[in-house]
Protein backbone atom coordinates (compact mmCIF):
# COMPACT_ATOMS: atom_id res chain seq x y z
CA UNK A 1 134.50 -21.47 16.07
CA UNK A 2 135.49 -21.85 12.34
CA UNK A 3 132.89 -24.50 11.88
CA UNK A 4 130.29 -22.34 13.50
CA UNK A 5 131.20 -19.25 11.53
CA UNK A 6 131.11 -21.21 8.26
CA UNK A 7 127.69 -22.73 9.27
CA UNK A 8 126.36 -19.22 10.03
CA UNK A 9 127.61 -17.95 6.71
CA UNK A 10 126.08 -20.84 4.81
CA UNK A 11 122.45 -20.86 6.23
CA UNK A 12 121.91 -17.26 7.42
CA UNK A 13 121.66 -15.86 3.97
CA UNK A 14 119.22 -18.49 3.26
CA UNK A 15 117.05 -17.43 6.10
CA UNK A 16 117.40 -13.77 5.13
CA UNK A 17 116.07 -14.55 1.66
CA UNK A 18 112.97 -15.92 3.24
CA UNK A 19 112.69 -12.75 5.43
CA UNK A 20 113.14 -10.54 2.26
CA UNK A 21 110.22 -12.46 0.46
CA UNK A 22 108.09 -11.75 3.60
CA UNK A 23 109.12 -8.05 3.69
CA UNK A 24 108.34 -7.46 0.01
CA UNK A 25 104.90 -8.79 0.35
CA UNK A 26 104.23 -6.63 3.50
CA UNK A 27 105.36 -3.40 1.57
CA UNK A 28 103.18 -4.34 -1.42
CA UNK A 29 105.81 -5.47 -3.97
CA UNK A 30 104.91 -9.13 -4.18
CA UNK A 31 101.56 -10.74 -3.76
CA UNK A 32 99.96 -14.20 -3.51
CA UNK A 33 99.47 -14.19 -7.18
CA UNK A 34 103.19 -13.92 -7.82
CA UNK A 35 103.77 -16.68 -5.28
CA UNK A 36 101.38 -18.99 -7.05
CA UNK A 37 102.99 -18.47 -10.39
CA UNK A 38 106.45 -18.65 -9.16
CA UNK A 39 105.63 -21.94 -7.22
CA UNK A 40 104.40 -23.52 -10.36
CA UNK A 41 107.60 -22.30 -12.32
CA UNK A 42 110.05 -23.66 -9.75
CA UNK A 43 108.39 -26.81 -9.51
CA UNK A 44 107.85 -27.48 -13.19
CA UNK A 45 110.85 -25.73 -14.54
CA UNK A 46 113.77 -24.66 -12.55
CA UNK A 47 113.97 -27.43 -9.96
CA UNK A 48 113.93 -30.07 -12.66
CA UNK A 49 116.59 -28.27 -14.50
CA UNK A 50 118.81 -27.97 -11.35
CA UNK A 51 118.30 -31.90 -10.55
CA UNK A 52 118.93 -32.88 -14.13
CA UNK A 53 122.25 -30.84 -14.16
CA UNK A 54 123.34 -32.27 -10.67
CA UNK A 55 122.59 -35.87 -11.58
CA UNK A 56 124.35 -35.52 -14.96
CA UNK A 57 127.58 -34.33 -13.24
CA UNK A 58 127.60 -37.33 -10.84
CA UNK A 59 130.12 -39.22 -12.80
CA UNK A 60 128.36 -42.60 -11.76
CA UNK A 61 130.71 -44.74 -13.66
CA UNK A 62 134.02 -43.54 -11.94
CA UNK A 63 132.85 -42.51 -8.40
CA UNK A 64 130.23 -45.23 -7.81
CA UNK A 65 130.58 -47.12 -4.45
CA UNK A 66 127.56 -49.55 -4.10
CA UNK A 67 127.85 -50.12 -0.32
CA UNK A 68 127.80 -46.39 0.34
CA UNK A 69 124.85 -45.69 -1.90
CA UNK A 70 122.97 -48.53 -0.46
CA UNK A 71 123.67 -46.99 3.03
CA UNK A 72 122.31 -43.76 1.99
CA UNK A 73 119.34 -45.31 0.29
CA UNK A 74 118.62 -47.60 3.38
CA UNK A 75 119.12 -44.90 5.90
CA UNK A 76 116.75 -42.42 3.83
CA UNK A 77 114.02 -45.18 3.43
CA UNK A 78 114.26 -46.10 7.18
CA UNK A 79 113.93 -42.61 8.31
CA UNK A 80 110.95 -41.89 5.98
CA UNK A 81 108.94 -44.78 7.04
CA UNK A 82 109.75 -44.16 10.85
CA UNK A 83 108.82 -40.45 10.60
CA UNK A 84 105.59 -41.40 8.62
CA UNK A 85 104.67 -43.84 11.33
CA UNK A 86 105.25 -41.23 14.13
CA UNK A 87 103.36 -38.68 12.35
CA UNK A 88 100.24 -40.69 11.87
CA UNK A 89 100.30 -41.97 15.43
CA UNK A 90 101.17 -38.64 17.10
CA UNK A 91 99.58 -35.98 15.17
CA UNK A 92 95.99 -35.30 16.00
CA UNK A 93 95.61 -32.91 12.93
CA UNK A 94 95.73 -35.39 10.06
CA UNK A 95 95.73 -32.69 7.39
CA UNK A 96 99.21 -31.84 8.31
CA UNK A 97 100.74 -35.17 8.35
CA UNK A 98 102.22 -35.01 4.86
CA UNK A 99 103.83 -31.65 5.55
CA UNK A 100 105.33 -32.92 8.77
CA UNK A 101 106.93 -36.09 7.37
CA UNK A 102 108.29 -34.11 4.41
CA UNK A 103 109.81 -31.58 6.59
CA UNK A 104 111.23 -34.04 9.05
CA UNK A 105 113.09 -36.10 6.39
CA UNK A 106 113.83 -34.07 3.42
CA UNK A 107 117.09 -32.16 3.83
CA UNK A 108 118.77 -29.71 1.54
CA UNK A 109 121.22 -32.20 -0.05
CA UNK A 110 121.44 -30.43 -3.43
CA UNK A 111 121.15 -26.71 -2.57
CA UNK A 112 123.24 -26.52 0.63
CA UNK A 113 124.84 -29.91 0.69
CA UNK A 114 127.60 -29.66 -1.63
CA UNK A 115 128.83 -26.36 -0.16
CA UNK A 116 128.90 -27.76 3.45
CA UNK A 117 130.53 -31.05 2.48
CA UNK A 118 133.29 -28.94 0.74
CA UNK A 119 134.11 -27.15 3.83
CA UNK A 120 133.85 -30.06 6.14
CA UNK A 121 135.85 -32.86 4.15
CA UNK A 122 137.74 -30.59 1.65
CA UNK A 123 136.18 -32.20 -1.49
CA UNK A 124 132.79 -33.04 -2.88
CA UNK A 125 133.49 -36.16 -4.45
CA UNK A 126 131.04 -38.31 -2.34
CA UNK A 127 128.14 -35.66 -2.42
CA UNK A 128 126.73 -36.89 -5.80
CA UNK A 129 126.66 -40.47 -4.47
CA UNK A 130 124.94 -39.26 -1.42
CA UNK A 131 122.45 -37.56 -3.58
CA UNK A 132 122.16 -40.71 -5.71
CA UNK A 133 121.17 -42.65 -2.75
CA UNK A 134 118.84 -40.15 -1.03
CA UNK A 135 117.38 -37.69 -3.45
CA UNK A 136 115.29 -39.89 -5.59
CA UNK A 137 113.75 -41.42 -2.52
CA UNK A 138 113.26 -37.89 -1.03
CA UNK A 139 111.12 -36.96 -4.09
CA UNK A 140 109.40 -40.26 -4.77
CA UNK A 141 108.10 -40.48 -1.19
CA UNK A 142 107.21 -36.82 -1.23
CA UNK A 143 104.83 -37.50 -3.82
CA UNK A 144 103.47 -40.52 -2.06
CA UNK A 145 103.09 -39.11 1.42
CA UNK A 146 101.49 -35.63 0.20
CA UNK A 147 99.02 -37.68 -2.03
CA UNK A 148 98.09 -40.24 0.72
CA UNK A 149 98.14 -37.77 3.60
CA UNK A 150 95.69 -35.23 2.20
CA UNK A 151 93.78 -35.20 5.51
CA UNK A 152 90.51 -36.03 4.00
CA UNK A 153 87.82 -37.58 6.37
CA UNK A 154 86.30 -40.94 5.53
CA UNK A 155 82.48 -41.26 5.94
CA UNK A 156 82.35 -44.89 5.78
CA UNK A 157 84.19 -48.13 4.91
CA UNK A 158 82.95 -48.14 1.27
CA UNK A 159 84.13 -44.54 0.70
CA UNK A 160 87.35 -45.17 2.31
CA UNK A 161 88.16 -48.10 0.02
CA UNK A 162 87.22 -46.04 -2.92
CA UNK A 163 89.34 -43.15 -1.69
CA UNK A 164 92.29 -45.47 -1.05
CA UNK A 165 91.93 -46.85 -4.54
CA UNK A 166 91.93 -43.28 -6.03
CA UNK A 167 94.98 -42.30 -3.96
CA UNK A 168 97.05 -45.21 -5.03
CA UNK A 169 95.99 -44.65 -8.78
CA UNK A 170 96.81 -40.94 -8.31
CA UNK A 171 100.12 -41.77 -6.65
CA UNK A 172 101.30 -43.94 -9.36
CA UNK A 173 100.22 -41.46 -11.87
CA UNK A 174 101.99 -38.76 -9.95
CA UNK A 175 105.13 -40.72 -9.73
CA UNK A 176 105.28 -41.53 -13.43
CA UNK A 177 104.62 -37.76 -14.46
CA UNK A 178 106.32 -35.89 -11.61
CA UNK A 179 108.84 -33.52 -13.32
CA UNK A 180 111.32 -33.80 -10.37
CA UNK A 181 111.49 -37.58 -10.52
CA UNK A 182 111.55 -37.57 -14.33
CA UNK A 183 114.51 -35.12 -14.12
CA UNK A 184 116.49 -37.16 -11.76
CA UNK A 185 116.10 -40.54 -13.73
CA UNK A 186 117.01 -38.61 -16.88
CA UNK A 187 120.10 -37.25 -15.34
CA UNK A 188 121.27 -40.58 -13.92
CA UNK A 189 120.71 -42.10 -17.33
CA UNK A 190 122.73 -39.36 -18.94
CA UNK A 191 125.56 -39.67 -16.55
CA UNK A 192 125.67 -43.46 -16.77
CA UNK A 193 125.94 -43.36 -20.69
CA UNK A 194 128.44 -40.35 -20.35
CA UNK A 195 125.89 -38.13 -22.59
CA UNK A 196 126.35 -34.34 -22.44
CA UNK A 197 124.51 -31.50 -23.89
CA UNK A 198 126.12 -28.93 -26.28
CA UNK A 199 127.73 -26.03 -24.33
CA UNK A 200 124.76 -23.64 -25.20
CA UNK A 201 122.18 -26.13 -24.11
CA UNK A 202 124.30 -26.94 -20.83
CA UNK A 203 124.73 -23.25 -19.86
CA UNK A 204 121.02 -22.50 -20.49
CA UNK A 205 119.89 -25.52 -18.36
CA UNK A 206 122.49 -24.55 -15.63
CA UNK A 207 121.15 -20.86 -15.64
CA UNK A 208 117.58 -21.99 -15.36
CA UNK A 209 118.42 -24.39 -12.58
CA UNK A 210 120.36 -21.60 -10.55
CA UNK A 211 117.02 -19.70 -10.17
CA UNK A 212 115.73 -22.54 -8.08
CA UNK A 213 117.16 -21.50 -4.61
CA UNK A 214 116.73 -17.85 -4.56
CA UNK A 215 113.18 -17.93 -6.13
CA UNK A 216 111.98 -20.87 -3.99
CA UNK A 217 113.19 -18.97 -0.76
CA UNK A 218 111.38 -15.68 -1.83
CA UNK A 219 108.13 -17.72 -2.51
CA UNK A 220 108.36 -19.13 1.00
CA UNK A 221 108.68 -15.57 2.48
CA UNK A 222 105.68 -14.34 0.50
CA UNK A 223 103.67 -17.39 1.57
CA UNK A 224 104.59 -17.16 5.21
CA UNK A 225 101.67 -16.39 7.69
CA UNK A 226 102.93 -15.62 11.16
CA UNK A 227 99.46 -16.35 12.83
CA UNK A 228 99.08 -19.79 11.21
CA UNK A 229 102.70 -20.63 11.92
CA UNK A 230 102.35 -19.97 15.60
CA UNK A 231 99.48 -22.41 15.80
CA UNK A 232 101.70 -25.00 14.15
CA UNK A 233 104.78 -24.28 16.25
CA UNK A 234 104.65 -27.58 18.13
CA UNK A 235 104.80 -29.85 15.24
CA UNK A 236 107.36 -27.62 13.56
CA UNK A 237 109.77 -27.89 16.54
CA UNK A 238 109.20 -31.65 16.62
CA UNK A 239 109.99 -32.05 12.99
CA UNK A 240 113.08 -29.77 13.36
CA UNK A 241 114.47 -31.86 16.13
CA UNK A 242 114.07 -35.05 14.20
CA UNK A 243 115.59 -33.56 11.08
CA UNK A 244 118.54 -31.84 12.73
CA UNK A 245 119.39 -34.03 15.86
CA UNK A 246 117.63 -37.40 16.11
CA UNK A 247 118.22 -38.66 12.54
CA UNK A 248 122.08 -37.79 12.75
CA UNK A 249 122.25 -39.31 16.37
CA UNK A 250 120.61 -42.51 15.15
CA UNK A 251 122.31 -43.08 11.69
CA UNK A 252 125.77 -41.45 11.83
CA UNK A 253 127.03 -44.11 14.24
CA UNK A 254 126.19 -46.79 11.61
CA UNK A 255 128.37 -45.00 8.99
CA UNK A 256 131.28 -44.80 11.46
CA UNK A 257 130.87 -48.58 12.47
CA UNK A 258 130.79 -49.55 8.97
CA UNK A 259 134.12 -47.71 8.35
CA UNK A 260 133.27 -45.44 5.63
CA UNK A 261 136.05 -42.66 4.97
CA UNK A 262 135.78 -39.32 6.38
CA UNK A 263 134.52 -37.67 3.19
CA UNK A 264 131.61 -40.16 3.05
CA UNK A 265 130.89 -39.51 6.65
CA UNK A 266 130.92 -35.79 6.05
CA UNK A 267 128.40 -36.31 3.06
CA UNK A 268 126.21 -38.60 5.35
CA UNK A 269 126.12 -35.80 8.10
CA UNK A 270 124.86 -33.28 5.43
CA UNK A 271 122.22 -35.86 4.25
CA UNK A 272 120.94 -36.56 7.72
CA UNK A 273 121.42 -33.09 9.43
CA UNK A 274 121.04 -30.46 6.71
CA UNK A 275 117.97 -28.04 7.10
CA UNK A 276 114.77 -28.90 5.31
CA UNK A 277 114.85 -28.09 1.66
CA UNK A 278 113.03 -25.02 0.38
CA UNK A 279 111.49 -27.21 -2.36
CA UNK A 280 109.39 -29.09 0.27
CA UNK A 281 107.26 -26.02 0.53
CA UNK A 282 106.97 -25.92 -3.33
CA UNK A 283 105.89 -29.52 -3.54
CA UNK A 284 103.36 -28.98 -0.68
CA UNK A 285 101.77 -26.15 -2.28
CA UNK A 286 101.61 -27.73 -5.62
CA UNK A 287 100.10 -30.84 -4.44
CA UNK A 288 97.06 -29.23 -2.46
CA UNK A 289 98.51 -28.80 0.91
CA UNK A 290 98.45 -25.49 2.93
CA UNK A 291 102.24 -24.97 3.26
CA UNK A 292 102.31 -23.24 6.56
CA UNK A 293 103.78 -25.93 8.45
CA UNK A 294 106.23 -26.55 5.67
CA UNK A 295 107.37 -22.91 5.71
CA UNK A 296 107.83 -22.98 9.45
CA UNK A 297 109.92 -26.11 9.41
CA UNK A 298 112.17 -24.64 6.77
CA UNK A 299 112.58 -21.59 8.61
CA UNK A 300 113.30 -23.29 11.94
CA UNK A 301 115.77 -25.82 10.54
CA UNK A 302 117.64 -23.25 8.53
CA UNK A 303 118.07 -20.88 11.50
CA UNK A 304 119.14 -23.79 13.96
CA UNK A 305 121.14 -25.91 11.61
CA UNK A 306 124.19 -23.42 11.77
CA UNK A 307 124.75 -24.57 15.39
CA UNK A 308 123.65 -28.25 15.16
CA UNK A 309 125.80 -28.86 12.18
CA UNK A 310 128.83 -27.11 13.83
CA UNK A 311 128.02 -29.18 16.92
CA UNK A 312 128.08 -32.57 14.90
CA UNK A 313 131.34 -31.45 13.11
CA UNK A 314 132.84 -30.82 16.57
CA UNK A 315 131.82 -34.11 17.81
CA UNK A 316 132.93 -36.13 14.88
CA UNK A 317 136.39 -34.23 14.79
CA UNK A 318 136.74 -34.90 18.57
CA UNK A 319 136.47 -38.42 17.94
CA UNK A 320 138.77 -38.41 14.95
CA UNK A 321 136.28 -39.52 12.58
CA UNK A 322 136.59 -36.70 10.10
């Protein structure tokens, strides 16, 4: 019951922030123009600031565990490729493949993850290592998947080849210039070389980064369209099941079999079973996708994760794993 109550207290406010954005639009305080500007602001400014700060505080030199980082990276990569293959094979509407894939693999490791890990294991030492192994891949593949899965129809083989070359070139350029990826790499380098900012700059960056979660959630609510969401409820449910149930069920036993400590397993549980991050909607919108499926997945996984995470914690505690 304590685990359930904690999970509810952690995720229900997130869900209510989305509802708040939706209500504020309905009563005319916020509008689509605000959502578009805020989308860009979060994507280019606040989210990179938050990720830069998170990666800088990882203390890579002292807490680094190569085997664990490799596990997180391998599991993340395997999950992404598997979901991408499933999406391409199963979804008839190819225009939503990118949003489906991103929603099914990209958990809220940074925004909700640290708080959840703290409650489960009592410390957050392993959370940065989990983020180091997963978050860079989350963002790199978000760019790749969203670029390649635009849903464009090919008229002939010649056009298809040309489109593929353009997408590859665009993907490479997108990765090299993506503010999220650049902030992660920059934070990793600063952490490795133990370089810090002056107090004034550090507090400023931290303050800007702290805007990410509430603003992103409000934007999701403003952009949420109920009628369109209902039409995409089946892929939203499928992506939510993959995110909250199937991934932990497949990959957590590997962490247990390998003999990782309880705090590492707790961090792995959050990596695999946390709700889809609100920033997946921001990236979808900024890379030319509709965003309806992304917002639906975020809302479903956020609401259901309180119960699924509590269930996973109960199972792991019953087995004396954590």
